[in-house]
Amino acid sequence: MKELTVALGERSYPIRIGRGTLSGVGETIAARSSRAVVVSNATVASLHLPALRAGMERAGVASDVVLIPDGEAHKNWDTLNDLLTRLLELKADRATPLVALGGGVVGDIAGFAAAIYQRGIPFVQVPTTLLAQVDSSVGGKTAVNHRLGKNMIGAFHQPIAVAVDTGCLATLPPREVVAGLAEVVKYGAIRDAAFFAWLERSMPALAARDDDALVHAIFESCRIKAEIVAADERETGERALLNFGHTFGHAIETATGYGTWLHGEAVGAGMVLASRLSERVSGLAAGERGRVETLVAAAGLPVAPPRLELHRWLDLMGRDKKVEHGRMRFVVLEALGRAVVRADVDERDIAAIVG
């Protein structure tokens, strides 16, 4: 097992990565409480809930389970309200941790519920998809979607621990594994050119779910994100770089209906668009832009976005959370491993890459 720390002073927490970490969650909770509420969905619960609850029972932690609907289309107010109602019915109190067992949807909803229930209760992230293991479970971003924009309603609320059990990846459908690789590619592109080069060499092993390759990719992704979150927890500066490809990607998800494109698929196409924009506005070398496209394609991710009119792109991206003072801000690459935020992008440059 490997371990990292998200360094946030008294709110610092560990990320534990390896096979079997799921069964140790009970010990983490037992240090705080003899009771917890597990939030999951039916699919994930059928696969991983028995091992989680067995570990909690061994640690002397009693557990209740709340199942929520599966899929991005259900990451909304209705599901959140139903979860809050169940917490009230179960008489969960301020010392009752939530355990988010599932992918990004479960983690985001459970985390948001933990942020607002009785003004904040502890929670543990137990991500079961590759995308959640390398990205959404780390950093404290929680949210639900609105029909006009993705993740527009939420809060920052850090977990007390993240348990990344790589054994869970064996149960993932291939499409979900591929979607998770998008966020892995992102970390190399924005922060670590050597990691990007390793991904170019190792993509076949990752696609084949080689355990050593996956552990390395997850560890490096979490390391990079932990460093950025520790430096800029609430995205007032450097943390915005983690949104490389996401301005375009969130527009794709909103335009096509949540769940039609998986988040990672939309980010994959979004990174291709963002790298093309980078070539036009920030001097990214054509060869490096090509390497981004080639790696996205090698991961099995889409490189072409859906056909949308320019005004639709501009409308959707104009609601992005990075918009400031009415100006869209884009994460672009100056070189592989070096990203910046630009607020001076001309609509003609956007038209040139999405047309």
Protein backbone atom coordinates (compact mmCIF):
# COMPACT_ATOMS: atom_id res chain seq x y z
CA MET A 1 0.00 0.00 0.00
CA LYS A 2 1.11 3.55 -0.74
CA GLU A 3 0.05 6.59 1.21
CA LEU A 4 -0.06 10.33 0.54
CA THR A 5 -1.18 13.27 2.65
CA VAL A 6 -3.28 16.22 1.55
CA ALA A 7 -1.59 18.86 3.70
CA LEU A 8 -4.25 21.27 4.96
CA GLY A 9 -3.11 21.91 8.51
CA GLU A 10 -5.52 20.52 11.09
CA ARG A 11 -7.78 19.31 8.24
CA SER A 12 -5.02 17.23 6.60
CA TYR A 13 -6.01 13.71 5.60
CA PRO A 14 -4.46 10.55 4.15
CA ILE A 15 -4.95 8.96 0.75
CA ARG A 16 -4.26 5.22 0.97
CA ILE A 17 -3.74 3.41 -2.32
CA GLY A 18 -3.55 -0.36 -2.88
CA ARG A 19 -5.46 -3.61 -2.82
CA GLY A 20 -7.53 -4.16 0.31
CA THR A 21 -7.73 -0.59 1.57
CA LEU A 22 -11.52 -0.84 1.51
CA SER A 23 -11.52 -3.33 4.40
CA GLY A 24 -9.51 -0.91 6.57
CA VAL A 25 -12.03 1.94 6.41
CA GLY A 26 -13.65 0.73 9.62
CA GLU A 27 -10.49 1.42 11.60
CA THR A 28 -10.41 5.00 10.30
CA ILE A 29 -14.00 5.54 11.38
CA ALA A 30 -13.59 3.77 14.74
CA ALA A 31 -11.13 6.44 15.82
CA ARG A 32 -14.02 8.95 15.64
CA SER A 33 -17.32 7.10 15.96
CA SER A 34 -18.93 3.74 16.57
CA ARG A 35 -21.47 4.40 13.84
CA ALA A 36 -21.48 5.41 10.16
CA VAL A 37 -23.85 5.74 7.23
CA VAL A 38 -22.71 4.27 3.92
CA VAL A 39 -23.95 5.98 0.75
CA SER A 40 -23.74 3.93 -2.44
CA ASN A 41 -25.78 2.70 -5.41
CA ALA A 42 -27.21 -0.75 -6.04
CA THR A 43 -24.56 -1.81 -8.56
CA VAL A 44 -21.56 -0.84 -6.44
CA ALA A 45 -23.16 -2.11 -3.23
CA SER A 46 -23.68 -5.56 -4.71
CA LEU A 47 -19.96 -5.78 -5.49
CA HIS A 48 -18.16 -4.02 -2.64
CA LEU A 49 -20.49 -3.31 0.27
CA PRO A 50 -20.02 -6.71 2.00
CA ALA A 51 -16.24 -6.25 2.30
CA LEU A 52 -16.64 -2.68 3.52
CA ARG A 53 -19.21 -3.58 6.16
CA ALA A 54 -17.22 -6.62 7.29
CA GLY A 55 -14.22 -4.41 7.94
CA MET A 56 -16.39 -1.91 9.80
CA GLU A 57 -17.90 -4.66 11.93
CA ARG A 58 -14.44 -5.96 12.84
CA ALA A 59 -13.55 -2.43 13.98
CA GLY A 60 -16.71 -2.18 16.10
CA VAL A 61 -18.51 0.26 13.79
CA ALA A 62 -22.23 -0.19 13.18
CA SER A 63 -23.49 0.92 9.78
CA ASP A 64 -26.64 1.92 7.98
CA VAL A 65 -26.82 1.98 4.18
CA VAL A 66 -28.53 4.48 1.89
CA LEU A 67 -28.68 3.64 -1.81
CA ILE A 68 -29.08 6.42 -4.37
CA PRO A 69 -29.82 6.12 -8.11
CA ASP A 70 -26.89 5.41 -10.40
CA GLY A 71 -25.66 7.83 -13.05
CA GLU A 72 -24.86 11.48 -13.75
CA ALA A 73 -28.49 12.17 -14.67
CA HIS A 74 -29.39 11.65 -10.99
CA LYS A 75 -26.75 13.99 -9.55
CA ASN A 76 -29.38 16.59 -8.72
CA TRP A 77 -31.40 18.25 -5.98
CA ASP A 78 -33.99 15.46 -5.84
CA THR A 79 -31.40 12.79 -5.04
CA LEU A 80 -29.65 15.08 -2.55
CA ASN A 81 -32.94 15.84 -0.79
CA ASP A 82 -33.82 12.15 -0.58
CA LEU A 83 -30.43 11.43 1.00
CA LEU A 84 -30.84 14.23 3.55
CA THR A 85 -34.29 12.90 4.42
CA ARG A 86 -32.85 9.44 5.07
CA LEU A 87 -30.14 10.91 7.32
CA LEU A 88 -32.84 12.62 9.37
CA GLU A 89 -34.91 9.45 9.53
CA LEU A 90 -31.83 7.50 10.70
CA LYS A 91 -31.17 10.17 13.34
CA ALA A 92 -27.62 10.72 12.12
CA ASP A 93 -25.92 13.35 14.23
CA ARG A 94 -22.90 15.62 13.83
CA ALA A 95 -20.52 12.84 14.86
CA THR A 96 -21.90 10.31 12.35
CA PRO A 97 -19.53 9.99 9.38
CA LEU A 98 -20.81 9.35 5.87
CA VAL A 99 -18.91 6.84 3.77
CA ALA A 100 -19.14 7.48 0.03
CA LEU A 101 -18.78 4.08 -1.66
CA GLY A 102 -18.89 4.52 -5.42
CA GLY A 103 -17.81 6.67 -8.32
CA GLY A 104 -17.83 10.42 -8.77
CA VAL A 105 -21.61 10.80 -8.59
CA VAL A 106 -21.83 9.04 -5.22
CA GLY A 107 -18.80 10.93 -3.91
CA ASP A 108 -20.09 14.32 -5.02
CA ILE A 109 -23.61 13.85 -3.63
CA ALA A 110 -22.52 12.23 -0.36
CA GLY A 111 -19.83 14.88 0.09
CA PHE A 112 -22.31 17.71 -0.51
CA ALA A 113 -24.76 16.13 1.93
CA ALA A 114 -21.94 15.89 4.50
CA ALA A 115 -21.11 19.55 3.90
CA ILE A 116 -24.62 20.82 4.61
CA TYR A 117 -26.23 18.26 6.94
CA GLN A 118 -26.34 19.86 10.40
CA ARG A 119 -23.83 22.40 8.98
CA GLY A 120 -21.20 19.77 8.34
CA ILE A 121 -20.40 16.18 9.31
CA PRO A 122 -17.31 14.05 8.58
CA PHE A 123 -17.11 11.80 5.55
CA VAL A 124 -14.78 9.25 4.00
CA GLN A 125 -14.27 8.79 0.27
CA VAL A 126 -14.07 5.17 -0.94
CA PRO A 127 -13.88 5.65 -4.73
CA THR A 128 -14.57 2.58 -6.86
CA THR A 129 -14.01 3.98 -10.37
CA LEU A 130 -10.67 4.99 -11.84
CA LEU A 131 -11.90 8.53 -12.48
CA ALA A 132 -12.98 8.96 -8.87
CA GLN A 133 -9.77 7.38 -7.56
CA VAL A 134 -7.50 9.78 -9.42
CA ASP A 135 -9.59 12.93 -9.28
CA SER A 136 -13.01 13.56 -7.78
CA SER A 137 -12.42 11.83 -4.43
CA VAL A 138 -9.47 14.10 -3.61
CA GLY A 139 -9.70 17.80 -2.86
CA GLY A 140 -13.06 18.39 -1.21
CA LYS A 141 -15.12 19.55 -4.17
CA THR A 142 -18.75 18.44 -3.76
CA ALA A 143 -21.72 19.36 -5.91
CA VAL A 144 -24.90 18.53 -7.76
CA ASN A 145 -25.75 19.44 -11.34
CA HIS A 146 -28.28 21.96 -12.59
CA ARG A 147 -29.99 21.64 -15.95
CA LEU A 148 -28.13 24.81 -17.01
CA GLY A 149 -24.68 23.72 -15.90
CA LYS A 150 -22.63 20.90 -14.39
CA ASN A 151 -21.53 21.07 -10.73
CA MET A 152 -22.91 24.58 -10.36
CA ILE A 153 -24.35 24.03 -6.87
CA GLY A 154 -21.96 22.73 -4.24
CA ALA A 155 -19.46 23.35 -1.48
CA PHE A 156 -15.85 22.69 -0.51
CA HIS A 157 -15.83 20.02 2.20
CA GLN A 158 -12.74 17.90 2.73
CA PRO A 159 -13.00 14.20 3.64
CA ILE A 160 -11.25 12.80 6.68
CA ALA A 161 -9.64 10.07 4.55
CA VAL A 162 -9.61 8.60 1.04
CA ALA A 163 -9.31 4.83 0.62
CA VAL A 164 -8.36 3.88 -2.95
CA ASP A 165 -8.78 0.11 -3.34
CA THR A 166 -7.35 -0.84 -6.72
CA GLY A 167 -9.06 -4.22 -6.47
CA CYS A 168 -12.35 -2.43 -7.20
CA LEU A 169 -11.15 -1.66 -10.73
CA ALA A 170 -11.43 -5.32 -11.73
CA THR A 171 -15.22 -4.97 -11.68
CA LEU A 172 -15.37 -1.84 -13.86
CA PRO A 173 -16.77 -1.98 -17.40
CA PRO A 174 -14.08 -1.13 -20.00
CA ARG A 175 -15.77 2.16 -20.87
CA GLU A 176 -15.43 3.35 -17.26
CA VAL A 177 -11.73 2.47 -17.16
CA VAL A 178 -11.14 4.43 -20.36
CA ALA A 179 -13.07 7.40 -18.98
CA GLY A 180 -10.86 7.46 -15.91
CA LEU A 181 -7.71 7.62 -18.00
CA ALA A 182 -8.72 11.11 -19.19
CA GLU A 183 -7.99 12.63 -15.79
CA VAL A 184 -4.69 10.74 -15.60
CA VAL A 185 -3.62 12.22 -18.94
CA LYS A 186 -4.64 15.66 -17.66
CA TYR A 187 -2.20 15.54 -14.74
CA GLY A 188 0.76 14.83 -16.99
CA ALA A 189 -0.30 17.49 -19.47
CA ILE A 190 -0.62 20.30 -16.93
CA ARG A 191 2.10 19.51 -14.42
CA ASP A 192 4.57 16.72 -15.19
CA ALA A 193 6.05 16.17 -18.65
CA ALA A 194 7.96 13.10 -17.42
CA PHE A 195 4.72 11.51 -16.20
CA PHE A 196 3.12 12.35 -19.55
CA ALA A 197 5.97 10.53 -21.32
CA TRP A 198 5.53 7.55 -18.98
CA LEU A 199 1.84 7.47 -19.93
CA GLU A 200 2.78 7.40 -23.61
CA ARG A 201 4.89 4.30 -22.96
CA SER A 202 2.51 2.67 -20.50
CA MET A 203 -0.94 3.21 -22.01
CA PRO A 204 -1.21 -0.41 -23.25
CA ALA A 205 -0.49 -1.69 -19.74
CA LEU A 206 -3.02 0.72 -18.22
CA ALA A 207 -5.68 -0.28 -20.73
CA ALA A 208 -5.00 -3.93 -19.83
CA ARG A 209 -5.45 -3.03 -16.12
CA ASP A 210 -1.93 -4.04 -15.14
CA ASP A 211 -1.92 -3.59 -11.37
CA ASP A 212 1.56 -2.09 -11.05
CA ALA A 213 0.87 0.41 -13.84
CA LEU A 214 -2.47 1.39 -12.32
CA VAL A 215 -1.02 1.90 -8.84
CA HIS A 216 1.72 4.11 -10.26
CA ALA A 217 -0.73 6.15 -12.36
CA ILE A 218 -3.12 6.59 -9.43
CA PHE A 219 -0.33 7.51 -7.02
CA GLU A 220 1.20 10.10 -9.35
CA SER A 221 -2.21 11.59 -10.19
CA CYS A 222 -3.13 11.88 -6.51
CA ARG A 223 0.33 13.27 -5.69
CA ILE A 224 -0.06 16.06 -8.22
CA LYS A 225 -3.60 16.86 -7.14
CA ALA A 226 -2.68 16.81 -3.44
CA GLU A 227 0.14 19.29 -4.05
CA ILE A 228 -2.15 21.66 -5.94
CA VAL A 229 -5.01 21.40 -3.43
CA ALA A 230 -2.64 22.04 -0.53
CA ALA A 231 -1.44 25.21 -2.26
CA ASP A 232 -4.87 26.45 -3.34
CA GLU A 233 -7.74 24.67 -1.60
CA ARG A 234 -10.59 26.87 -2.84
CA GLU A 235 -9.47 27.43 -6.41
CA THR A 236 -8.50 31.08 -6.18
CA GLY A 237 -5.42 30.52 -8.33
CA GLU A 238 -3.35 27.44 -9.15
CA ARG A 239 -6.13 24.89 -8.58
CA ALA A 240 -7.94 26.21 -11.66
CA LEU A 241 -5.28 24.43 -13.72
CA LEU A 242 -6.95 21.13 -12.81
CA ASN A 243 -9.76 22.16 -15.14
CA PHE A 244 -7.69 21.61 -18.29
CA GLY A 245 -10.18 20.31 -20.88
CA HIS A 246 -13.09 20.73 -18.47
CA THR A 247 -14.52 24.01 -19.79
CA PHE A 248 -15.14 22.33 -23.12
CA GLY A 249 -15.93 18.99 -21.46
CA HIS A 250 -18.62 20.34 -19.14
CA ALA A 251 -20.22 22.11 -22.12
CA ILE A 252 -20.35 18.78 -23.95
CA GLU A 253 -21.97 17.04 -20.97
CA THR A 254 -24.57 19.76 -20.51
CA ALA A 255 -25.40 20.02 -24.22
CA THR A 256 -25.81 16.27 -24.74
CA GLY A 257 -27.66 15.49 -21.51
CA TYR A 258 -25.86 14.29 -18.39
CA GLY A 259 -24.76 10.70 -18.79
CA THR A 260 -24.81 10.50 -22.59
CA TRP A 261 -21.08 11.25 -22.61
CA LEU A 262 -19.23 10.01 -19.54
CA HIS A 263 -17.35 12.79 -17.77
CA GLY A 264 -13.97 11.37 -18.78
CA GLU A 265 -15.04 11.03 -22.40
CA ALA A 266 -16.08 14.67 -22.50
CA VAL A 267 -12.83 15.72 -20.82
CA GLY A 268 -10.86 13.69 -23.39
CA ALA A 269 -12.40 15.59 -26.29
CA GLY A 270 -12.15 18.78 -24.22
CA MET A 271 -8.39 18.33 -23.78
CA VAL A 272 -7.98 17.94 -27.54
CA LEU A 273 -9.86 21.22 -28.05
CA ALA A 274 -7.90 22.91 -25.27
CA SER A 275 -4.58 21.77 -26.78
CA ARG A 276 -5.61 23.13 -30.17
CA LEU A 277 -6.55 26.39 -28.49
CA SER A 278 -3.17 26.33 -26.74
CA GLU A 279 -1.38 26.10 -30.07
CA ARG A 280 -3.23 29.21 -31.25
CA VAL A 281 -3.02 31.42 -28.16
CA SER A 282 -0.19 30.28 -25.87
CA GLY A 283 2.52 28.97 -28.16
CA LEU A 284 2.14 25.23 -27.57
CA ALA A 285 4.33 23.51 -30.16
CA ALA A 286 2.44 21.67 -32.87
CA GLY A 287 4.30 18.49 -32.02
CA GLU A 288 3.25 18.66 -28.37
CA ARG A 289 -0.34 19.43 -29.35
CA GLY A 290 -0.18 16.31 -31.50
CA ARG A 291 1.14 14.26 -28.59
CA VAL A 292 -1.90 15.23 -26.51
CA GLU A 293 -4.27 14.15 -29.28
CA THR A 294 -2.35 10.92 -29.85
CA LEU A 295 -2.36 9.99 -26.16
CA VAL A 296 -6.07 10.78 -25.79
CA ALA A 297 -6.78 8.53 -28.78
CA ALA A 298 -4.44 5.81 -27.47
CA ALA A 299 -6.41 5.74 -24.23
CA GLY A 300 -9.54 4.99 -26.26
CA LEU A 301 -11.12 8.37 -25.58
CA PRO A 302 -13.00 10.43 -28.19
CA VAL A 303 -10.95 13.14 -29.83
CA ALA A 304 -13.83 14.84 -31.69
CA PRO A 305 -16.57 16.76 -29.85
CA PRO A 306 -20.26 16.61 -30.81
CA ARG A 307 -21.40 19.11 -33.42
CA LEU A 308 -22.61 22.26 -31.68
CA GLU A 309 -23.18 25.71 -33.09
CA LEU A 310 -20.67 28.35 -31.96
CA HIS A 311 -23.33 30.29 -30.06
CA ARG A 312 -24.18 27.12 -28.12
CA TRP A 313 -20.53 26.59 -27.12
CA LEU A 314 -20.25 30.22 -26.03
CA ASP A 315 -23.51 30.11 -24.08
CA LEU A 316 -22.58 26.96 -22.19
CA MET A 317 -18.99 27.98 -21.51
CA GLY A 318 -20.20 31.41 -20.44
CA ARG A 319 -21.76 29.72 -17.39
CA ASP A 320 -18.53 27.96 -16.45
CA LYS A 321 -17.35 28.40 -12.85
CA LYS A 322 -14.08 29.90 -14.08
CA VAL A 323 -15.88 32.88 -15.62
CA GLU A 324 -14.84 36.07 -13.81
CA HIS A 325 -16.23 39.56 -14.38
CA GLY A 326 -18.12 38.23 -17.39
CA ARG A 327 -14.97 36.91 -19.09
CA MET A 328 -14.39 33.27 -19.95
CA ARG A 329 -11.11 31.86 -18.67
CA PHE A 330 -9.43 28.88 -20.32
CA VAL A 331 -6.73 26.55 -19.06
CA VAL A 332 -4.15 26.26 -21.83
CA LEU A 333 -0.70 24.73 -22.18
CA GLU A 334 2.46 26.69 -22.86
CA ALA A 335 4.28 23.35 -23.03
CA LEU A 336 3.62 19.83 -21.85
CA GLY A 337 3.78 19.98 -18.07
CA ARG A 338 3.20 23.75 -17.91
CA ALA A 339 -0.35 25.13 -17.89
CA VAL A 340 -1.71 28.64 -17.39
CA VAL A 341 -5.12 30.32 -17.24
CA ARG A 342 -5.94 32.82 -19.99
CA ALA A 343 -8.81 35.31 -19.97
CA ASP A 344 -7.96 36.99 -23.28
CA VAL A 345 -9.14 34.31 -25.70
CA ASP A 346 -10.88 35.72 -28.76
CA GLU A 347 -14.15 34.19 -29.96
CA ARG A 348 -12.53 33.76 -33.37
CA ASP A 349 -10.01 31.35 -31.85
CA ILE A 350 -12.83 29.34 -30.29
CA ALA A 351 -14.69 29.31 -33.59
CA ALA A 352 -11.57 28.03 -35.36
CA ILE A 353 -11.21 24.97 -33.13
CA VAL A 354 -14.85 23.93 -32.66
CA GLY A 355 -16.00 24.59 -36.22
